[in-house]
Amino acid sequence: MKRIWILTVSAAVLPVAVLAGGGGLVTSALSQVPAVPQNAQVAYALYSDANGALSKGRGLKDAEATLVKAQQEIQLQMASFQMQMAAGPVSDHDQALVKSIGPFPKAMALHTEIAQATPAIGKVRAAYDTDVAKIDAAQSTEISKLPVCPGEAGEPSEIAVDKVKLKYADQRIALASAYLPRYDQVILNLHQSIAGEAAYADHVHAAWASLQSPMMKSVLLPQGSGVQASALADVAVLLSAVEDVSEPAAQVVANKNKLARDAAKARGC
């Protein structure tokens, strides 16, 4: 009988890549990515506000931590895969599984979609920035027409200035809320495409983890774990896109809140 040389692997370094809470590694990470906020107030809820200075809130931090944990798990698995020579046949069971282990078949189309999403989001952001500039200009014009207080300073009262600023702060919030839905379809389409990749990647890894032959596990490790690594990178792109469109909307709410606090201490003439 012909001998077939294969590799044995320590079972301790072959965990099935899943996170607590159920689901495959990539699917679990994707489930932590929030949708595009419906309005500026919902966007603001994603962040912590320290007197107008925003930082990522618990939800965004958890999403990023889940991604990092998943990426580290894959890296650890690939780095700790220990091999040594042994002999044995490849079973029919493994031969059937091998057919389902390979790269994501729609990878090229997905990466094209990701590449196209960036300028699409940028175009909406540019239009938003233009409209914000119009509000800024209108605010400056109105403040310049306020009556000045008597005296050497020749400036309007703080109360009058803050009243105008609060009025335009509300306009900025309304504008941000109106623009968020314009990002939604691009990011929703991206989410759906990445969801398909995530499910495929987790299925491939599950098939790889079910292989009985250490040799086949060794040979197919780059596909079994690599397809998940690629999918996680795309989940990271999606999360970044959501953060990029949410933060400006959240910031205008934070600015309004800070302005309202400051206005409470404003002085008249």
Protein backbone atom coordinates (compact mmCIF):
# COMPACT_ATOMS: atom_id res chain seq x y z
CA MET A 1 0.00 0.00 0.00
CA LYS A 2 1.33 3.41 -0.98
CA ARG A 3 2.23 5.63 1.97
CA ILE A 4 0.90 9.21 1.95
CA TRP A 5 2.92 11.65 4.05
CA ILE A 6 0.79 14.20 5.88
CA LEU A 7 1.24 16.70 8.71
CA THR A 8 -0.08 16.31 12.22
CA VAL A 9 -1.18 19.35 14.17
CA SER A 10 -1.72 19.93 17.85
CA ALA A 11 -5.48 19.98 18.46
CA ALA A 12 -5.01 22.78 20.99
CA VAL A 13 -4.23 25.28 18.24
CA LEU A 14 -7.17 24.48 16.00
CA PRO A 15 -10.13 26.35 17.49
CA VAL A 16 -13.19 27.00 15.39
CA ALA A 17 -13.15 30.76 14.84
CA VAL A 18 -16.27 31.94 16.59
CA LEU A 19 -16.91 34.75 19.05
CA ALA A 20 -18.95 34.64 22.22
CA GLY A 21 -22.61 35.23 21.46
CA GLY A 22 -22.83 32.78 18.59
CA GLY A 23 -22.29 33.11 14.87
CA GLY A 24 -19.15 32.95 12.83
CA LEU A 25 -16.20 35.21 13.49
CA VAL A 26 -16.90 37.66 10.66
CA THR A 27 -20.68 37.59 11.00
CA SER A 28 -20.37 38.40 14.70
CA ALA A 29 -18.05 41.33 13.95
CA LEU A 30 -20.38 42.65 11.24
CA SER A 31 -23.36 42.52 13.62
CA GLN A 32 -21.62 45.12 15.81
CA VAL A 33 -21.47 47.73 13.02
CA PRO A 34 -24.28 50.29 13.50
CA ALA A 35 -26.49 51.48 10.66
CA VAL A 36 -26.26 55.02 9.32
CA PRO A 37 -28.04 57.16 11.95
CA GLN A 38 -31.51 58.37 10.99
CA ASN A 39 -30.81 61.90 12.19
CA ALA A 40 -28.21 64.03 13.97
CA GLN A 41 -29.52 63.19 17.45
CA VAL A 42 -29.16 59.46 16.78
CA ALA A 43 -25.64 60.10 15.50
CA TYR A 44 -24.86 62.07 18.66
CA ALA A 45 -25.93 59.08 20.77
CA LEU A 46 -23.04 57.09 19.27
CA TYR A 47 -20.51 59.38 20.94
CA SER A 48 -19.46 60.66 24.35
CA ASP A 49 -19.48 64.44 24.70
CA ALA A 50 -16.95 66.26 26.88
CA ASN A 51 -18.09 69.88 26.58
CA GLY A 52 -18.18 69.77 22.77
CA ALA A 53 -15.24 67.41 22.27
CA LEU A 54 -16.56 64.10 20.98
CA SER A 55 -15.09 60.65 21.51
CA LYS A 56 -16.46 57.29 20.42
CA GLY A 57 -19.19 55.90 22.64
CA ARG A 58 -19.59 52.39 24.00
CA GLY A 59 -21.21 50.97 20.87
CA LEU A 60 -18.49 52.14 18.50
CA LYS A 61 -15.76 51.09 20.91
CA ASP A 62 -17.33 47.63 21.23
CA ALA A 63 -17.52 47.30 17.44
CA GLU A 64 -13.85 48.20 17.07
CA ALA A 65 -12.85 45.90 19.94
CA THR A 66 -14.74 43.00 18.34
CA LEU A 67 -12.89 43.57 15.08
CA VAL A 68 -9.52 43.71 16.78
CA LYS A 69 -10.26 40.54 18.76
CA ALA A 70 -11.33 38.72 15.60
CA GLN A 71 -8.23 39.82 13.68
CA GLN A 72 -5.96 38.79 16.54
CA GLU A 73 -7.65 35.40 16.76
CA ILE A 74 -6.96 34.71 13.09
CA GLN A 75 -3.35 35.91 13.36
CA LEU A 76 -2.80 33.75 16.43
CA GLN A 77 -4.28 30.71 14.76
CA MET A 78 -2.07 31.06 11.70
CA ALA A 79 1.05 31.82 13.74
CA SER A 80 0.58 28.94 16.20
CA PHE A 81 -0.20 26.26 13.62
CA GLN A 82 2.38 23.59 14.50
CA MET A 83 3.28 20.93 11.96
CA GLN A 84 5.20 17.65 11.91
CA MET A 85 5.37 14.74 9.48
CA ALA A 86 3.02 11.75 9.79
CA ALA A 87 1.26 9.34 7.47
CA GLY A 88 -2.36 8.67 6.60
CA PRO A 89 -4.95 8.82 3.81
CA VAL A 90 -7.32 11.69 2.94
CA SER A 91 -10.90 10.62 3.66
CA ASP A 92 -13.93 10.99 1.42
CA HIS A 93 -15.28 13.27 4.15
CA ASP A 94 -12.37 15.68 3.70
CA GLN A 95 -12.42 15.48 -0.08
CA ALA A 96 -16.04 16.64 0.00
CA LEU A 97 -15.23 19.55 2.33
CA VAL A 98 -12.29 20.70 0.22
CA LYS A 99 -14.71 21.60 -2.57
CA SER A 100 -16.25 24.32 -0.40
CA ILE A 101 -12.94 25.89 0.71
CA GLY A 102 -11.69 28.70 -1.47
CA PRO A 103 -11.66 32.48 -1.99
CA PHE A 104 -14.88 34.51 -2.04
CA PRO A 105 -16.14 34.23 -5.64
CA LYS A 106 -17.51 37.80 -5.69
CA ALA A 107 -14.40 39.39 -4.19
CA MET A 108 -13.55 41.45 -7.26
CA ALA A 109 -17.08 42.85 -7.57
CA LEU A 110 -17.16 43.67 -3.86
CA HIS A 111 -13.84 45.50 -3.92
CA THR A 112 -15.03 47.48 -6.94
CA GLU A 113 -18.15 48.41 -4.98
CA ILE A 114 -16.02 49.51 -2.02
CA ALA A 115 -13.80 51.59 -4.31
CA GLN A 116 -16.87 53.28 -5.83
CA ALA A 117 -18.48 53.93 -2.45
CA THR A 118 -15.65 56.22 -1.33
CA PRO A 119 -16.15 58.92 -3.99
CA ALA A 120 -19.94 58.55 -3.71
CA ILE A 121 -19.79 59.32 0.00
CA GLY A 122 -17.26 62.08 -0.65
CA LYS A 123 -19.60 63.73 -3.17
CA VAL A 124 -22.42 63.90 -0.61
CA ARG A 125 -20.01 65.22 2.03
CA ALA A 126 -18.80 67.95 -0.33
CA ALA A 127 -22.39 69.08 -0.96
CA TYR A 128 -23.02 69.08 2.80
CA ASP A 129 -19.91 71.18 3.44
CA THR A 130 -21.08 73.68 0.82
CA ASP A 131 -24.46 74.04 2.52
CA VAL A 132 -22.81 74.37 5.94
CA ALA A 133 -20.69 77.21 4.54
CA LYS A 134 -23.88 79.00 3.46
CA ILE A 135 -25.26 78.74 7.00
CA ASP A 136 -21.95 80.03 8.40
CA ALA A 137 -22.06 82.99 6.05
CA ALA A 138 -25.67 83.80 6.93
CA GLN A 139 -24.83 83.66 10.63
CA SER A 140 -21.87 86.00 10.21
CA THR A 141 -24.00 88.45 8.23
CA GLU A 142 -26.75 88.50 10.84
CA ILE A 143 -24.28 88.98 13.71
CA SER A 144 -22.63 91.84 11.85
CA LYS A 145 -25.99 93.67 11.74
CA LEU A 146 -26.67 93.43 15.49
CA PRO A 147 -26.73 96.72 17.39
CA VAL A 148 -23.56 97.32 19.35
CA CYS A 149 -23.35 98.10 23.03
CA PRO A 150 -22.37 101.65 24.00
CA GLY A 151 -18.78 102.07 25.05
CA GLU A 152 -15.31 101.60 23.69
CA ALA A 153 -15.69 97.93 22.68
CA GLY A 154 -18.37 98.60 20.10
CA GLU A 155 -19.52 94.98 20.08
CA PRO A 156 -23.00 93.45 20.27
CA SER A 157 -24.04 91.96 23.59
CA GLU A 158 -23.12 88.32 24.26
CA ILE A 159 -26.81 87.51 24.75
CA ALA A 160 -27.72 88.86 21.32
CA VAL A 161 -24.82 87.05 19.61
CA ASP A 162 -25.59 83.74 21.31
CA LYS A 163 -29.26 84.01 20.36
CA VAL A 164 -28.25 84.24 16.70
CA LYS A 165 -25.74 81.40 17.05
CA LEU A 166 -28.35 79.14 18.65
CA LYS A 167 -30.73 79.86 15.79
CA TYR A 168 -28.17 78.80 13.20
CA ALA A 169 -27.03 75.84 15.32
CA ASP A 170 -30.57 74.47 14.94
CA GLN A 171 -30.27 74.95 11.18
CA ARG A 172 -27.00 73.00 11.13
CA ILE A 173 -28.62 70.13 13.04
CA ALA A 174 -31.55 70.10 10.61
CA LEU A 175 -29.14 70.15 7.68
CA ALA A 176 -27.08 67.26 9.07
CA SER A 177 -30.25 65.24 9.66
CA ALA A 178 -31.38 65.91 6.08
CA TYR A 179 -28.07 64.73 4.65
CA LEU A 180 -27.71 61.46 6.59
CA PRO A 181 -30.28 59.57 4.45
CA ARG A 182 -28.27 60.50 1.37
CA TYR A 183 -25.43 58.32 2.66
CA ASP A 184 -27.73 55.50 3.69
CA GLN A 185 -28.27 53.67 0.39
CA VAL A 186 -24.57 53.54 -0.51
CA ILE A 187 -23.62 52.19 2.91
CA LEU A 188 -26.63 49.85 3.09
CA ASN A 189 -25.67 48.30 -0.26
CA LEU A 190 -22.11 47.92 0.99
CA HIS A 191 -23.35 46.29 4.19
CA GLN A 192 -25.43 43.77 2.26
CA SER A 193 -22.52 42.83 0.00
CA ILE A 194 -20.13 42.45 2.93
CA ALA A 195 -22.76 40.37 4.75
CA GLY A 196 -22.60 37.90 1.86
CA GLU A 197 -18.83 37.81 2.10
CA ALA A 198 -19.00 37.37 5.89
CA ALA A 199 -21.36 34.40 5.66
CA TYR A 200 -19.20 32.81 2.97
CA ALA A 201 -15.99 33.35 4.95
CA ASP A 202 -17.45 31.81 8.09
CA HIS A 203 -18.77 28.85 6.08
CA VAL A 204 -15.33 28.28 4.55
CA HIS A 205 -13.66 28.40 7.93
CA ALA A 206 -16.21 26.00 9.43
CA ALA A 207 -15.51 23.57 6.60
CA TRP A 208 -11.76 23.94 7.16
CA ALA A 209 -12.15 23.36 10.91
CA SER A 210 -14.14 20.18 10.17
CA LEU A 211 -11.35 18.62 8.12
CA GLN A 212 -10.07 15.39 9.65
CA SER A 213 -6.73 15.33 7.88
CA PRO A 214 -3.99 17.46 9.51
CA MET A 215 -2.29 17.60 6.12
CA MET A 216 -5.36 19.11 4.47
CA LYS A 217 -5.72 21.58 7.33
CA SER A 218 -2.13 22.64 6.82
CA VAL A 219 -2.44 23.00 3.07
CA LEU A 220 -5.75 24.86 3.23
CA LEU A 221 -4.99 27.08 6.22
CA PRO A 222 -4.42 30.18 4.03
CA GLN A 223 -7.89 29.72 2.51
CA GLY A 224 -9.60 28.69 5.73
CA SER A 225 -8.38 31.65 7.77
CA GLY A 226 -7.33 34.00 4.98
CA VAL A 227 -10.86 34.41 3.61
CA GLN A 228 -11.98 35.49 7.08
CA ALA A 229 -9.10 37.95 7.39
CA SER A 230 -10.07 39.53 4.08
CA ALA A 231 -13.73 39.76 5.08
CA LEU A 232 -12.82 41.35 8.43
CA ALA A 233 -10.82 44.00 6.59
CA ASP A 234 -13.95 44.85 4.61
CA VAL A 235 -16.04 45.00 7.80
CA ALA A 236 -13.48 47.51 9.11
CA VAL A 237 -13.99 49.61 5.96
CA LEU A 238 -17.76 49.56 6.53
CA LEU A 239 -17.41 50.60 10.18
CA SER A 240 -15.09 53.44 9.19
CA ALA A 241 -17.63 54.65 6.60
CA VAL A 242 -20.42 54.72 9.19
CA GLU A 243 -18.20 56.64 11.62
CA ASP A 244 -17.13 59.10 8.91
CA VAL A 245 -20.72 60.09 8.09
CA SER A 246 -21.96 60.00 11.70
CA GLU A 247 -19.31 62.14 13.39
CA PRO A 248 -20.04 65.45 11.59
CA ALA A 249 -23.75 65.11 12.38
CA ALA A 250 -22.98 64.29 16.01
CA GLN A 251 -20.60 67.24 16.24
CA VAL A 252 -23.22 69.85 15.32
CA VAL A 253 -25.41 68.58 18.17
CA ALA A 254 -22.46 68.72 20.56
CA ASN A 255 -21.70 72.26 19.39
CA LYS A 256 -25.31 73.33 19.99
CA ASN A 257 -25.29 71.83 23.50
CA LYS A 258 -22.05 73.60 24.39
CA LEU A 259 -23.35 76.86 22.97
CA ALA A 260 -26.54 76.56 25.04
CA ARG A 261 -24.50 76.06 28.21
CA ASP A 262 -22.30 79.03 27.40
CA ALA A 263 -25.32 81.17 26.48
CA ALA A 264 -26.75 80.64 29.94
CA LYS A 265 -23.79 82.62 31.30
CA ALA A 266 -23.82 85.32 28.60
CA ARG A 267 -24.01 89.00 29.53
CA GLY A 268 -25.97 91.81 28.02
CA CYS A 269 -24.73 95.34 27.35
